[in-house]
Amino acid sequence: MAGRVVYGPETRAQAANLVCGHHVPVLRAALLLCQMAGIKVSTGWMAGIRGRAAAALAPFMEHVRALLRTAPALNADETPARAAKSLAYVHVACTRYLTCLHVAGRSAEDIDAGGVLPGYTGVLMRDGYAGYAHLTGALHAWCGAHLLRDLKDIYDFEPREQAWASAMADLLVQANGHATSARGAGTDRLGADVLAGLLERYRALAAEGLAGNQRRHTRAARDARRVARRFRDYEDLILRFVTDLAVTEFTNNEAERSVRPVKVQQHTSGGCWRTLEGLAEFAIVQSYLSTAAKWRIDPLDALRQLFTTGPWLPPALTPDAATKAA
């Protein structure tokens, strides 16, 4: 009886790079590895490579969670994914240099299961999903891109009646310009006159949106009232990027970019994962590859290290902090 073939770190790294780094389906990945490197592996072995990588990444995940909990600002998001003929959610907590994904449902407990956000006291950039409201220790900031899209939809449908929405969008863009300039100048807050002017215009436009649609009973008017109430009632979350310049981003695009590979993998996997465990393994490995890419480390090099000496660990929250520590 022939003995079991044991493949070395290079083969495992190349296999994991195909399946995890490039989202290649298992059968095709096995064929590519044979054609390009002359290495014959079974589809069963190839199917298990993501699980082997995920199992080796426990120290990395623990390290990244600890770093993220110390970050002054985090981005958070979630996206649905189909696994085992049911719907799950992949959650992300990240910064420009770190990514942590985990799989759960969509409740507050599921959000907390990632081990990053419970007890977090920094600034949390997110969308308007109410599931994050229980994180009362954090200062919440709403994604400006979502708000701009909502305002555009309202204005495009009724340009004459919803001029306030276009003006509010312009105001948010101008406010972001002021905040960016202030950060670039090294100041920790906007000038008092500039901030007062922005707040006055913001509140007037929110009030205009409510008043102009109060006696109208169309669906468009109802949508406009809903958005105008959001601007009125959540001013502190919406304007966090100008009232607290520690919030360095106007949008939650960082989180959306970090979680987007879920959709890419789901598409190449035929629309779903066979098991929930497979989805969870994907989240772990993608956390590693995403973080490595943010530090400009080639995914294949990161995987080579994983299968040779153990996972690469980011040395600090940011490269600048790592340089200062050295």
Protein backbone atom coordinates (compact mmCIF):
# COMPACT_ATOMS: atom_id res chain seq x y z
CA MET A 1 0.00 0.00 0.00
CA ALA A 2 1.45 3.33 -1.01
CA GLY A 3 2.28 5.76 1.77
CA ARG A 4 0.52 9.04 2.22
CA VAL A 5 2.05 11.91 0.22
CA VAL A 6 3.20 14.79 2.42
CA TYR A 7 3.52 18.08 0.60
CA GLY A 8 6.00 20.71 1.70
CA PRO A 9 5.40 24.34 2.71
CA GLU A 10 5.90 25.67 -0.83
CA THR A 11 3.24 23.39 -2.29
CA ARG A 12 0.81 24.23 0.52
CA ALA A 13 1.46 27.94 0.09
CA GLN A 14 0.88 27.82 -3.67
CA ALA A 15 -2.28 25.77 -3.23
CA ALA A 16 -3.64 28.12 -0.57
CA ASN A 17 -2.79 31.11 -2.73
CA LEU A 18 -4.88 29.70 -5.59
CA VAL A 19 -7.89 28.77 -3.46
CA CYS A 20 -7.78 31.60 -0.90
CA GLY A 21 -5.81 34.41 -2.52
CA HIS A 22 -7.29 34.13 -6.00
CA HIS A 23 -10.66 32.50 -5.19
CA VAL A 24 -10.10 29.69 -7.71
CA PRO A 25 -12.53 26.73 -7.38
CA VAL A 26 -10.98 23.59 -5.95
CA LEU A 27 -10.97 21.43 -9.10
CA ARG A 28 -9.56 24.20 -11.26
CA ALA A 29 -6.96 25.03 -8.59
CA ALA A 30 -5.75 21.42 -8.59
CA LEU A 31 -5.47 21.46 -12.39
CA LEU A 32 -3.59 24.78 -12.37
CA LEU A 33 -1.13 23.57 -9.75
CA CYS A 34 -0.39 20.53 -11.90
CA GLN A 35 -0.11 22.47 -15.16
CA MET A 36 1.95 25.38 -13.82
CA ALA A 37 4.12 23.71 -11.19
CA GLY A 38 3.98 20.03 -12.16
CA ILE A 39 2.54 19.15 -8.74
CA LYS A 40 -0.30 16.64 -8.69
CA VAL A 41 -2.68 16.91 -5.76
CA SER A 42 -6.13 15.44 -5.24
CA THR A 43 -9.20 17.64 -5.16
CA GLY A 44 -9.80 16.41 -1.60
CA TRP A 45 -6.38 17.64 -0.50
CA MET A 46 -6.93 20.94 -2.29
CA ALA A 47 -10.34 21.32 -0.66
CA GLY A 48 -8.73 20.95 2.76
CA ILE A 49 -5.95 23.51 2.30
CA ARG A 50 -8.05 26.45 3.49
CA GLY A 51 -8.89 24.57 6.69
CA ARG A 52 -5.19 23.86 7.30
CA ALA A 53 -4.37 27.51 6.82
CA ALA A 54 -7.17 28.64 9.11
CA ALA A 55 -6.09 26.26 11.85
CA ALA A 56 -2.56 27.70 11.76
CA LEU A 57 -3.83 31.28 12.04
CA ALA A 58 -5.11 31.23 15.63
CA PRO A 59 -2.14 33.30 16.92
CA PHE A 60 -2.65 35.83 14.11
CA MET A 61 -6.35 36.30 14.86
CA GLU A 62 -5.71 36.76 18.57
CA HIS A 63 -2.96 39.30 17.82
CA VAL A 64 -5.05 41.32 15.37
CA ARG A 65 -8.06 41.45 17.70
CA ALA A 66 -5.82 42.81 20.45
CA LEU A 67 -4.40 45.49 18.15
CA LEU A 68 -7.83 46.54 16.85
CA ARG A 69 -9.17 47.00 20.37
CA THR A 70 -6.52 49.69 20.90
CA ALA A 71 -7.19 51.59 17.65
CA PRO A 72 -8.52 55.15 18.04
CA ALA A 73 -11.02 54.53 15.22
CA LEU A 74 -12.43 51.39 13.60
CA ASN A 75 -14.56 50.60 10.56
CA ALA A 76 -17.28 47.95 10.90
CA ASP A 77 -19.64 46.33 8.42
CA GLU A 78 -21.39 43.07 7.63
CA THR A 79 -22.49 41.26 4.49
CA PRO A 80 -24.73 38.23 3.93
CA ALA A 81 -23.27 34.96 2.67
CA ARG A 82 -24.95 31.67 1.84
CA ALA A 83 -23.57 28.53 3.46
CA ALA A 84 -25.09 25.09 4.05
CA LYS A 85 -28.33 26.17 2.33
CA SER A 86 -28.90 28.97 4.85
CA LEU A 87 -27.97 32.61 5.32
CA ALA A 88 -25.11 33.75 7.56
CA TYR A 89 -23.28 37.03 7.90
CA VAL A 90 -19.61 37.84 7.61
CA HIS A 91 -18.70 40.69 9.94
CA VAL A 92 -15.63 42.88 9.63
CA ALA A 93 -13.81 45.15 12.06
CA CYS A 94 -10.86 46.83 10.39
CA THR A 95 -8.57 49.78 9.91
CA ARG A 96 -6.43 50.85 6.96
CA TYR A 97 -3.82 48.28 8.07
CA LEU A 98 -5.73 45.51 9.86
CA THR A 99 -8.66 43.23 9.00
CA CYS A 100 -10.63 40.88 11.24
CA LEU A 101 -13.52 38.89 9.76
CA HIS A 102 -15.83 36.49 11.56
CA VAL A 103 -19.00 34.57 10.71
CA ALA A 104 -22.20 34.72 12.75
CA GLY A 105 -25.79 35.95 12.53
CA ARG A 106 -26.77 39.60 12.60
CA SER A 107 -27.76 40.25 16.22
CA ALA A 108 -25.86 42.30 18.78
CA GLU A 109 -24.48 39.07 20.26
CA ASP A 110 -23.32 37.98 16.81
CA ILE A 111 -21.53 41.31 16.28
CA ASP A 112 -19.81 40.91 19.65
CA ALA A 113 -18.73 37.36 18.79
CA GLY A 114 -15.85 38.75 16.75
CA GLY A 115 -14.07 39.67 19.98
CA VAL A 116 -13.16 43.22 18.91
CA LEU A 117 -16.10 45.54 19.51
CA PRO A 118 -17.34 44.64 23.02
CA GLY A 119 -16.05 47.32 25.37
CA TYR A 120 -14.48 49.32 22.53
CA THR A 121 -14.17 53.02 23.44
CA GLY A 122 -12.83 54.64 20.28
CA VAL A 123 -14.71 55.94 17.24
CA LEU A 124 -16.73 53.36 15.31
CA MET A 125 -17.38 54.18 11.63
CA ARG A 126 -20.38 52.20 10.39
CA ASP A 127 -23.57 52.30 8.35
CA GLY A 128 -27.01 52.95 9.80
CA TYR A 129 -27.72 49.37 10.89
CA ALA A 130 -29.24 49.46 14.39
CA GLY A 131 -27.43 46.30 15.48
CA TYR A 132 -24.41 48.39 16.49
CA ALA A 133 -26.40 50.63 18.85
CA HIS A 134 -25.62 48.46 21.90
CA LEU A 135 -21.94 49.44 21.68
CA THR A 136 -22.44 52.41 23.96
CA GLY A 137 -18.79 52.76 24.95
CA ALA A 138 -17.83 53.83 21.44
CA LEU A 139 -18.42 57.13 19.67
CA HIS A 140 -20.38 56.25 16.55
CA ALA A 141 -19.91 57.82 13.11
CA TRP A 142 -22.12 57.17 10.10
CA CYS A 143 -20.77 56.49 6.64
CA GLY A 144 -21.00 59.59 4.45
CA ALA A 145 -21.22 57.56 1.24
CA HIS A 146 -24.47 55.93 2.37
CA LEU A 147 -25.92 59.33 3.26
CA LEU A 148 -24.93 60.84 -0.08
CA ARG A 149 -26.58 57.96 -1.93
CA ASP A 150 -29.82 58.43 0.03
CA LEU A 151 -29.83 62.16 -0.68
CA LYS A 152 -29.13 61.59 -4.38
CA ASP A 153 -32.00 59.11 -4.69
CA ILE A 154 -34.42 61.61 -3.15
CA TYR A 155 -33.25 64.51 -5.28
CA ASP A 156 -33.12 62.56 -8.56
CA PHE A 157 -36.73 61.46 -8.15
CA GLU A 158 -38.11 64.94 -7.41
CA PRO A 159 -35.50 67.62 -8.22
CA ARG A 160 -37.84 70.57 -7.76
CA GLU A 161 -39.44 69.44 -4.50
CA GLN A 162 -36.28 68.04 -2.92
CA ALA A 163 -33.71 70.78 -3.51
CA TRP A 164 -32.82 70.55 0.17
CA ALA A 165 -31.38 67.06 -0.42
CA SER A 166 -28.97 68.33 -3.08
CA ALA A 167 -27.96 71.22 -0.82
CA MET A 168 -27.40 68.83 2.11
CA ALA A 169 -25.18 66.62 -0.06
CA ASP A 170 -23.16 69.68 -1.10
CA LEU A 171 -22.84 70.66 2.55
CA LEU A 172 -21.48 67.23 3.54
CA VAL A 173 -18.90 67.34 0.76
CA GLN A 174 -17.84 70.87 1.74
CA ALA A 175 -17.65 69.86 5.40
CA ASN A 176 -15.41 66.95 4.50
CA GLY A 177 -13.16 69.35 2.60
CA HIS A 178 -12.88 71.59 5.67
CA ALA A 179 -12.13 68.60 7.92
CA THR A 180 -9.49 67.24 5.53
CA SER A 181 -7.79 70.64 5.30
CA ALA A 182 -7.79 71.01 9.09
CA ARG A 183 -6.19 67.60 9.57
CA GLY A 184 -3.61 68.42 6.90
CA ALA A 185 -2.76 71.61 8.76
CA GLY A 186 -2.21 69.62 11.94
CA THR A 187 -5.09 71.14 13.90
CA ASP A 188 -7.34 69.03 16.11
CA ARG A 189 -10.57 70.93 15.44
CA LEU A 190 -12.28 73.18 12.93
CA GLY A 191 -12.33 76.93 13.47
CA ALA A 192 -15.27 77.97 15.66
CA ASP A 193 -16.81 80.18 12.96
CA VAL A 194 -16.49 77.50 10.28
CA LEU A 195 -18.06 74.83 12.50
CA ALA A 196 -20.86 77.14 13.62
CA GLY A 197 -21.67 77.99 10.01
CA LEU A 198 -21.78 74.32 9.00
CA LEU A 199 -24.04 73.42 11.90
CA GLU A 200 -26.42 76.28 11.19
CA ARG A 201 -26.79 75.33 7.52
CA TYR A 202 -27.09 71.62 8.36
CA ARG A 203 -29.94 72.17 10.83
CA ALA A 204 -31.74 74.56 8.50
CA LEU A 205 -31.62 72.07 5.63
CA ALA A 206 -32.86 69.18 7.80
CA ALA A 207 -35.74 71.37 8.96
CA GLU A 208 -36.47 72.35 5.36
CA GLY A 209 -36.62 68.71 4.32
CA LEU A 210 -39.19 67.97 7.02
CA ALA A 211 -41.30 71.07 6.51
CA GLY A 212 -41.40 70.81 2.72
CA ASN A 213 -42.70 67.25 2.82
CA GLN A 214 -44.92 67.39 5.91
CA ARG A 215 -48.24 67.86 4.12
CA ARG A 216 -47.40 65.75 1.09
CA HIS A 217 -48.60 62.12 1.09
CA THR A 218 -46.66 60.58 -1.77
CA ARG A 219 -44.15 57.79 -1.34
CA ALA A 220 -41.36 60.17 -2.35
CA ALA A 221 -42.42 62.60 0.38
CA ARG A 222 -42.47 59.82 2.97
CA ASP A 223 -38.95 58.79 1.98
CA ALA A 224 -37.80 62.41 2.15
CA ARG A 225 -39.30 62.85 5.62
CA ARG A 226 -37.60 59.67 6.80
CA VAL A 227 -34.18 60.83 5.60
CA ALA A 228 -34.71 64.38 6.90
CA ARG A 229 -35.63 62.99 10.34
CA ARG A 230 -32.45 60.91 10.26
CA PHE A 231 -30.39 64.03 9.67
CA ARG A 232 -32.24 65.87 12.43
CA ASP A 233 -32.13 63.09 15.03
CA TYR A 234 -28.62 61.73 14.39
CA GLU A 235 -26.67 64.91 13.86
CA ASP A 236 -23.91 63.82 16.24
CA LEU A 237 -23.28 60.54 14.36
CA ILE A 238 -23.52 62.11 10.91
CA LEU A 239 -21.23 65.03 11.66
CA ARG A 240 -18.70 63.13 13.76
CA PHE A 241 -16.14 63.54 10.97
CA VAL A 242 -16.14 67.34 11.48
CA THR A 243 -16.71 67.56 15.23
CA ASP A 244 -14.03 64.94 16.02
CA LEU A 245 -11.08 65.12 13.65
CA ALA A 246 -9.76 61.81 14.99
CA VAL A 247 -12.27 60.37 12.51
CA THR A 248 -9.99 60.45 9.50
CA GLU A 249 -12.49 59.06 7.00
CA PHE A 250 -15.76 60.43 5.66
CA THR A 251 -16.97 57.02 4.45
CA ASN A 252 -16.97 53.39 5.54
CA ASN A 253 -15.33 52.32 2.29
CA GLU A 254 -12.44 50.69 4.14
CA ALA A 255 -14.80 48.15 5.71
CA GLU A 256 -16.67 47.60 2.45
CA ARG A 257 -13.40 46.93 0.59
CA SER A 258 -12.21 44.56 3.31
CA VAL A 259 -15.38 42.47 3.25
CA ARG A 260 -15.90 42.50 -0.54
CA PRO A 261 -13.89 39.26 -1.16
CA VAL A 262 -16.81 37.42 0.46
CA LYS A 263 -18.91 38.21 -2.62
CA VAL A 264 -16.06 37.34 -4.98
CA GLN A 265 -15.54 33.96 -3.31
CA GLN A 266 -19.27 33.26 -3.18
CA HIS A 267 -19.57 33.95 -6.90
CA THR A 268 -16.69 31.65 -7.83
CA SER A 269 -18.04 28.97 -5.47
CA GLY A 270 -21.30 28.69 -7.35
CA GLY A 271 -23.25 31.06 -5.13
CA CYS A 272 -22.69 29.46 -1.73
CA TRP A 273 -20.36 27.58 0.59
CA ARG A 274 -21.04 23.90 1.15
CA THR A 275 -20.63 24.21 4.93
CA LEU A 276 -20.72 26.95 7.54
CA GLU A 277 -17.31 25.74 8.71
CA GLY A 278 -15.91 26.43 5.24
CA LEU A 279 -17.23 29.99 5.37
CA ALA A 280 -15.69 30.49 8.81
CA GLU A 281 -12.34 29.19 7.53
CA PHE A 282 -12.56 31.57 4.59
CA ALA A 283 -13.11 34.51 6.98
CA ILE A 284 -10.00 33.62 8.98
CA VAL A 285 -7.72 33.19 5.98
CA GLN A 286 -9.06 36.31 4.29
CA SER A 287 -8.35 38.30 7.48
CA TYR A 288 -4.72 37.23 7.16
CA LEU A 289 -4.37 37.90 3.44
CA SER A 290 -6.17 41.25 3.64
CA THR A 291 -3.98 42.45 6.50
CA ALA A 292 -0.82 41.31 4.73
CA ALA A 293 -1.87 43.15 1.57
CA LYS A 294 -2.50 46.33 3.57
CA TRP A 295 1.12 46.10 4.77
CA ARG A 296 2.23 45.54 1.15
CA ILE A 297 3.20 41.93 1.78
CA ASP A 298 2.63 39.58 -1.15
CA PRO A 299 -0.05 36.99 -0.32
CA LEU A 300 2.13 34.11 -1.49
CA ASP A 301 5.00 35.29 0.72
CA ALA A 302 2.61 35.55 3.68
CA LEU A 303 1.36 32.03 3.04
CA ARG A 304 4.91 30.68 2.66
CA GLN A 305 5.72 32.05 6.11
CA LEU A 306 2.49 30.63 7.53
CA PHE A 307 3.33 27.11 6.39
CA THR A 308 7.05 27.37 7.23
CA THR A 309 7.57 29.15 10.55
CA GLY A 310 4.09 30.31 11.47
CA PRO A 311 1.91 33.31 10.64
CA TRP A 312 3.29 36.77 9.97
CA LEU A 313 2.10 39.17 12.66
CA PRO A 314 1.64 42.92 12.06
CA PRO A 315 4.09 44.63 14.43
CA ALA A 316 1.81 47.55 15.35
CA LEU A 317 -1.39 49.37 14.47
CA THR A 318 0.30 51.19 11.59
CA PRO A 319 3.66 51.14 9.81
CA ASP A 320 4.48 54.54 11.34
CA ALA A 321 3.88 53.18 14.83
CA ALA A 322 6.05 50.16 14.02
CA THR A 323 8.87 52.43 12.83
CA LYS A 324 8.71 54.54 16.01
CA ALA A 325 8.72 51.43 18.20
CA ALA A 326 11.81 50.13 16.40
